[in-house]
């Protein structure tokens, strides 16, 4: 319940799930993020789309094509490892589009940089299964390192190509739902930084490490969380030693 509540609280008031929306998880329901999203979808009375093909490296275009065409997903839940190939395919499709389409992409990029995004109209090069996409939620497992992580520049590119909102969440098997997740209305591009947004409402997070390092404003330490969303034997507190991060000036979590 704590994981589902965190997902609900992370959605802005005007962007809550509606009965007319549909959610397509492309990762297995054995991951807590996809499972919490599925339960959240059922709880809100929205349509849950399940596919026989799923996984961390699934082809997102193929998965959405195989869905029933009259049930176009409003929200797609994907793994970070599937976004690299997806971004390449979308970039190639956009590059072969018309001059009018390229101008529309330029106009969308300008609006995003100004903090405004209009998602009512989908680009012509988008597959039919993604024409109704409102938001792409990307789950980044805690085991990913280095080049496998999704950067802020990648999120910006996906927003521009899909003309849809994009959110990145840090997930782990020791927490129900997610640890931290970017706001869907946060369109800032922090470049090569891997920013995973503010901490989930059902968690309390702090960094652990040497006193000399932790006394710095931008000190880097291991992530430690506690709260009702923590699972496993250590229900009160979980220290994720393998995740090194810092707290940015806007109180968001940045992986290093």
Protein backbone atom coordinates (compact mmCIF):
# COMPACT_ATOMS: atom_id res chain seq x y z
CA UNK A 1 0.00 0.00 0.00
CA UNK A 2 2.89 2.39 0.74
CA UNK A 3 4.28 1.94 -2.78
CA UNK A 4 0.88 2.55 -4.38
CA UNK A 5 0.30 5.61 -2.22
CA UNK A 6 3.68 7.02 -3.29
CA UNK A 7 2.74 6.65 -6.96
CA UNK A 8 -0.58 8.37 -6.38
CA UNK A 9 1.01 11.29 -4.53
CA UNK A 10 3.67 11.72 -7.24
CA UNK A 11 1.08 12.53 -9.92
CA UNK A 12 0.13 16.24 -10.20
CA UNK A 13 -3.49 17.11 -9.45
CA UNK A 14 -4.45 17.70 -13.07
CA UNK A 15 -2.61 14.58 -14.28
CA UNK A 16 -4.14 11.86 -12.13
CA UNK A 17 -5.16 8.53 -13.63
CA UNK A 18 -8.68 8.64 -15.04
CA UNK A 19 -11.10 5.78 -15.87
CA UNK A 20 -10.55 6.61 -19.56
CA UNK A 21 -6.78 6.07 -19.28
CA UNK A 22 -4.92 2.84 -19.95
CA UNK A 23 -1.59 1.68 -18.51
CA UNK A 24 0.81 -0.74 -20.22
CA UNK A 25 3.62 -2.23 -18.11
CA UNK A 26 6.35 -3.58 -20.41
CA UNK A 27 8.41 -5.05 -17.56
CA UNK A 28 7.54 -8.19 -15.62
CA UNK A 29 5.13 -7.95 -12.71
CA UNK A 30 7.84 -9.56 -10.57
CA UNK A 31 9.35 -6.05 -10.28
CA UNK A 32 7.82 -3.95 -7.52
CA UNK A 33 7.53 -0.84 -9.69
CA UNK A 34 5.47 -2.54 -12.40
CA UNK A 35 3.42 -4.42 -9.80
CA UNK A 36 2.60 -1.25 -7.86
CA UNK A 37 1.63 0.50 -11.09
CA UNK A 38 -0.66 -2.40 -12.02
CA UNK A 39 -2.39 -2.38 -8.64
CA UNK A 40 -2.64 1.40 -8.74
CA UNK A 41 -4.28 1.20 -12.18
CA UNK A 42 -6.87 -1.30 -10.95
CA UNK A 43 -7.49 0.78 -7.83
CA UNK A 44 -8.28 3.91 -9.88
CA UNK A 45 -10.57 2.06 -12.28
CA UNK A 46 -8.32 2.64 -15.31
CA UNK A 47 -7.62 0.02 -17.97
CA UNK A 48 -4.64 -2.27 -17.37
CA UNK A 49 -3.04 -3.61 -20.57
CA UNK A 50 -0.96 -6.77 -20.17
CA UNK A 51 1.19 -8.27 -22.90
CA UNK A 52 2.73 -11.73 -23.19
CA UNK A 53 6.03 -10.08 -24.20
CA UNK A 54 7.77 -8.16 -21.43
CA UNK A 55 11.21 -7.68 -19.92
CA UNK A 56 13.97 -5.17 -19.26
CA UNK A 57 15.19 -5.08 -22.89
CA UNK A 58 11.87 -5.51 -24.70
CA UNK A 59 11.28 -3.66 -27.98
CA UNK A 60 8.84 -0.93 -26.94
CA UNK A 61 7.61 -0.30 -30.47
CA UNK A 62 6.86 -4.00 -31.04
CA UNK A 63 5.07 -4.29 -27.71
CA UNK A 64 2.80 -1.32 -28.36
CA UNK A 65 2.10 -2.54 -31.90
CA UNK A 66 0.94 -5.90 -30.59
CA UNK A 67 -1.57 -4.26 -28.28
CA UNK A 68 -5.11 -3.94 -29.52
CA UNK A 69 -5.20 -0.83 -31.68
CA UNK A 70 -8.35 0.56 -30.09
CA UNK A 71 -6.67 0.36 -26.67
CA UNK A 72 -3.79 2.76 -27.10
CA UNK A 73 -1.85 3.09 -23.83
CA UNK A 74 -1.94 6.47 -22.12
CA UNK A 75 0.92 5.49 -19.82
CA UNK A 76 3.77 3.11 -20.60
CA UNK A 77 6.03 1.64 -17.91
CA UNK A 78 9.43 0.67 -19.29
CA UNK A 79 12.85 -0.39 -18.07
CA UNK A 80 15.84 1.91 -18.48
CA UNK A 81 17.63 -0.73 -20.55
CA UNK A 82 14.89 -0.64 -23.18
CA UNK A 83 15.05 3.13 -23.71
CA UNK A 84 18.41 3.24 -25.53
CA UNK A 85 17.21 1.21 -28.51
CA UNK A 86 13.84 2.95 -28.39
CA UNK A 87 15.49 6.37 -28.53
CA UNK A 88 17.61 5.35 -31.54
CA UNK A 89 14.54 4.09 -33.42
CA UNK A 90 12.53 7.22 -32.66
CA UNK A 91 15.43 9.47 -33.68
CA UNK A 92 15.72 7.65 -37.01
CA UNK A 93 11.96 7.93 -37.59
CA UNK A 94 11.93 11.63 -36.79
CA UNK A 95 14.94 12.29 -39.04
CA UNK A 96 13.16 10.84 -42.06
CA UNK A 97 10.04 12.94 -41.50
CA UNK A 98 8.76 15.90 -43.48
CA UNK A 99 9.92 19.48 -43.14
CA UNK A 100 6.65 20.31 -41.41
CA UNK A 101 7.25 17.56 -38.88
CA UNK A 102 10.76 18.82 -38.18
CA UNK A 103 9.43 22.34 -37.67
CA UNK A 104 6.83 20.98 -35.24
CA UNK A 105 9.61 19.22 -33.32
CA UNK A 106 11.61 22.46 -33.18
CA UNK A 107 8.56 24.34 -31.92
CA UNK A 108 7.91 21.69 -29.27
CA UNK A 109 11.52 21.87 -28.11
CA UNK A 110 11.29 25.63 -27.76
CA UNK A 111 8.12 25.35 -25.68
CA UNK A 112 9.68 22.69 -23.43
CA UNK A 113 12.69 24.92 -22.79
CA UNK A 114 10.25 27.61 -21.70
CA UNK A 115 8.54 25.24 -19.27
CA UNK A 116 5.42 24.49 -21.31
CA UNK A 117 4.44 21.28 -23.04
CA UNK A 118 1.41 20.54 -25.19
CA UNK A 119 0.75 16.82 -25.56
CA UNK A 120 -2.64 16.84 -27.29
CA UNK A 121 -1.14 16.16 -30.74
CA UNK A 122 1.24 13.28 -31.46
CA UNK A 123 3.99 13.47 -34.12
CA UNK A 124 3.13 11.80 -37.43
CA UNK A 125 6.12 9.44 -37.25
CA UNK A 126 4.98 7.84 -33.99
CA UNK A 127 3.71 4.23 -34.23
CA UNK A 128 -0.06 3.90 -33.98
CA UNK A 129 0.23 2.18 -30.61
CA UNK A 130 1.95 5.24 -29.12
CA UNK A 131 -0.28 7.91 -30.65
CA UNK A 132 -2.23 8.30 -27.41
CA UNK A 133 0.78 8.32 -25.09
CA UNK A 134 0.64 10.90 -22.29
CA UNK A 135 3.59 9.86 -20.12
CA UNK A 136 6.45 7.38 -20.35
CA UNK A 137 7.59 6.15 -16.94
CA UNK A 138 11.09 4.67 -16.91
CA UNK A 139 12.22 2.38 -14.11
CA UNK A 140 15.96 2.45 -13.45
CA UNK A 141 16.97 -0.54 -11.28
CA UNK A 142 19.61 0.13 -8.63
CA UNK A 143 21.93 -2.48 -10.20
CA UNK A 144 22.55 -0.37 -13.31
CA UNK A 145 25.82 1.50 -13.47
CA UNK A 146 27.66 3.91 -15.74
CA UNK A 147 26.46 4.00 -19.32
CA UNK A 148 23.39 1.90 -18.53
CA UNK A 149 21.87 4.73 -16.51
CA UNK A 150 19.45 7.13 -18.11
CA UNK A 151 20.75 10.70 -18.26
CA UNK A 152 18.79 13.91 -18.05
CA UNK A 153 19.67 14.65 -21.68
CA UNK A 154 18.06 11.34 -22.69
CA UNK A 155 14.84 12.29 -20.92
CA UNK A 156 14.84 15.62 -22.76
CA UNK A 157 15.33 13.88 -26.11
CA UNK A 158 12.47 11.46 -25.42
CA UNK A 159 10.12 14.30 -24.50
CA UNK A 160 10.90 16.02 -27.77
CA UNK A 161 10.56 12.91 -29.95
CA UNK A 162 7.43 11.53 -28.30
CA UNK A 163 5.78 14.87 -27.51
CA UNK A 164 4.89 13.24 -24.21
CA UNK A 165 5.96 13.66 -20.63
CA UNK A 166 8.73 11.43 -19.32
CA UNK A 167 9.58 10.42 -15.76
CA UNK A 168 12.57 8.48 -14.40
CA UNK A 169 12.38 6.43 -11.21
CA UNK A 170 15.10 4.76 -9.16
CA UNK A 171 13.86 1.31 -8.14
CA UNK A 172 15.16 -1.47 -5.94
CA UNK A 173 13.84 -4.79 -4.69
CA UNK A 174 14.15 -3.54 -1.11
CA UNK A 175 11.57 -0.78 -1.59
CA UNK A 176 7.98 -1.13 -2.77
CA UNK A 177 7.35 1.16 -5.72
CA UNK A 178 10.33 3.45 -6.08
CA UNK A 179 13.02 5.26 -4.10
CA UNK A 180 12.95 8.55 -6.01
CA UNK A 181 11.22 9.74 -9.16
CA UNK A 182 11.36 12.85 -11.33
CA UNK A 183 8.25 14.99 -11.57
CA UNK A 184 6.41 14.64 -14.87
CA UNK A 185 6.17 18.44 -15.09
CA UNK A 186 9.90 18.96 -14.56
CA UNK A 187 11.24 19.60 -18.07
CA UNK A 188 14.72 20.72 -17.08
CA UNK A 189 17.68 19.27 -18.93
CA UNK A 190 20.63 18.73 -16.59
CA UNK A 191 22.82 17.31 -19.34
CA UNK A 192 24.86 14.20 -18.57
CA UNK A 193 23.63 14.12 -14.97
CA UNK A 194 21.63 11.11 -13.80
CA UNK A 195 18.97 12.87 -11.72
CA UNK A 196 16.19 10.64 -10.36
CA UNK A 197 14.14 13.38 -8.75
CA UNK A 198 12.74 13.82 -5.25
CA UNK A 199 12.33 10.99 -2.76
CA UNK A 200 9.08 9.00 -2.60
CA UNK A 201 6.47 10.29 -0.17
CA UNK A 202 6.49 6.95 1.69
CA UNK A 203 10.23 7.11 2.41
CA UNK A 204 12.79 9.12 4.32
CA UNK A 205 16.22 9.22 2.69
CA UNK A 206 19.64 10.26 3.88
CA UNK A 207 23.21 9.66 2.78
CA UNK A 208 25.79 7.79 4.83
CA UNK A 209 29.57 8.09 4.66
CA UNK A 210 32.66 9.58 6.30
CA UNK A 211 31.98 12.67 8.39
CA UNK A 212 34.41 14.75 6.32
CA UNK A 213 32.49 13.97 3.13
CA UNK A 214 29.02 14.31 4.63
CA UNK A 215 29.84 17.76 6.02
CA UNK A 216 30.20 19.11 2.47
CA UNK A 217 27.27 20.79 0.73
CA UNK A 218 27.60 18.42 -2.24
CA UNK A 219 28.84 15.43 -0.26
CA UNK A 220 28.60 11.98 -1.87
CA UNK A 221 27.47 8.97 0.17
CA UNK A 222 25.58 5.69 0.15
CA UNK A 223 21.79 5.87 0.01
CA UNK A 224 19.89 4.85 3.14
CA UNK A 225 16.09 4.81 3.31
CA UNK A 226 13.49 4.08 5.96
CA UNK A 227 9.74 4.13 6.02
CA UNK A 228 6.66 1.97 5.38
CA UNK A 229 7.71 1.19 1.79
CA UNK A 230 10.89 -0.62 2.88
CA UNK A 231 10.57 -4.40 2.47
CA UNK A 232 12.51 -7.44 3.59
CA UNK A 233 14.03 -8.28 6.96
CA UNK A 234 15.17 -4.72 7.69
CA UNK A 235 11.72 -3.16 7.51
CA UNK A 236 12.66 -0.08 9.46
CA UNK A 237 15.76 0.87 7.47
CA UNK A 238 17.59 -0.24 4.34
CA UNK A 239 21.13 0.87 3.45
CA UNK A 240 21.88 0.60 -0.26
CA UNK A 241 25.68 0.62 -0.13
CA UNK A 242 26.04 0.03 -3.87
CA UNK A 243 24.24 3.29 -4.73
CA UNK A 244 26.37 6.42 -4.41
CA UNK A 245 24.53 9.70 -4.72
CA UNK A 246 24.42 13.35 -3.73
CA UNK A 247 21.61 15.77 -2.97
CA UNK A 248 21.34 18.48 -5.61
CA UNK A 249 20.59 22.13 -4.86
CA UNK A 250 16.91 21.57 -5.72
CA UNK A 251 16.67 18.68 -3.20
CA UNK A 252 16.61 16.00 -5.89
CA UNK A 253 18.72 12.84 -5.82
CA UNK A 254 21.62 12.62 -8.29
CA UNK A 255 23.39 9.31 -8.85
CA UNK A 256 27.19 9.40 -9.23
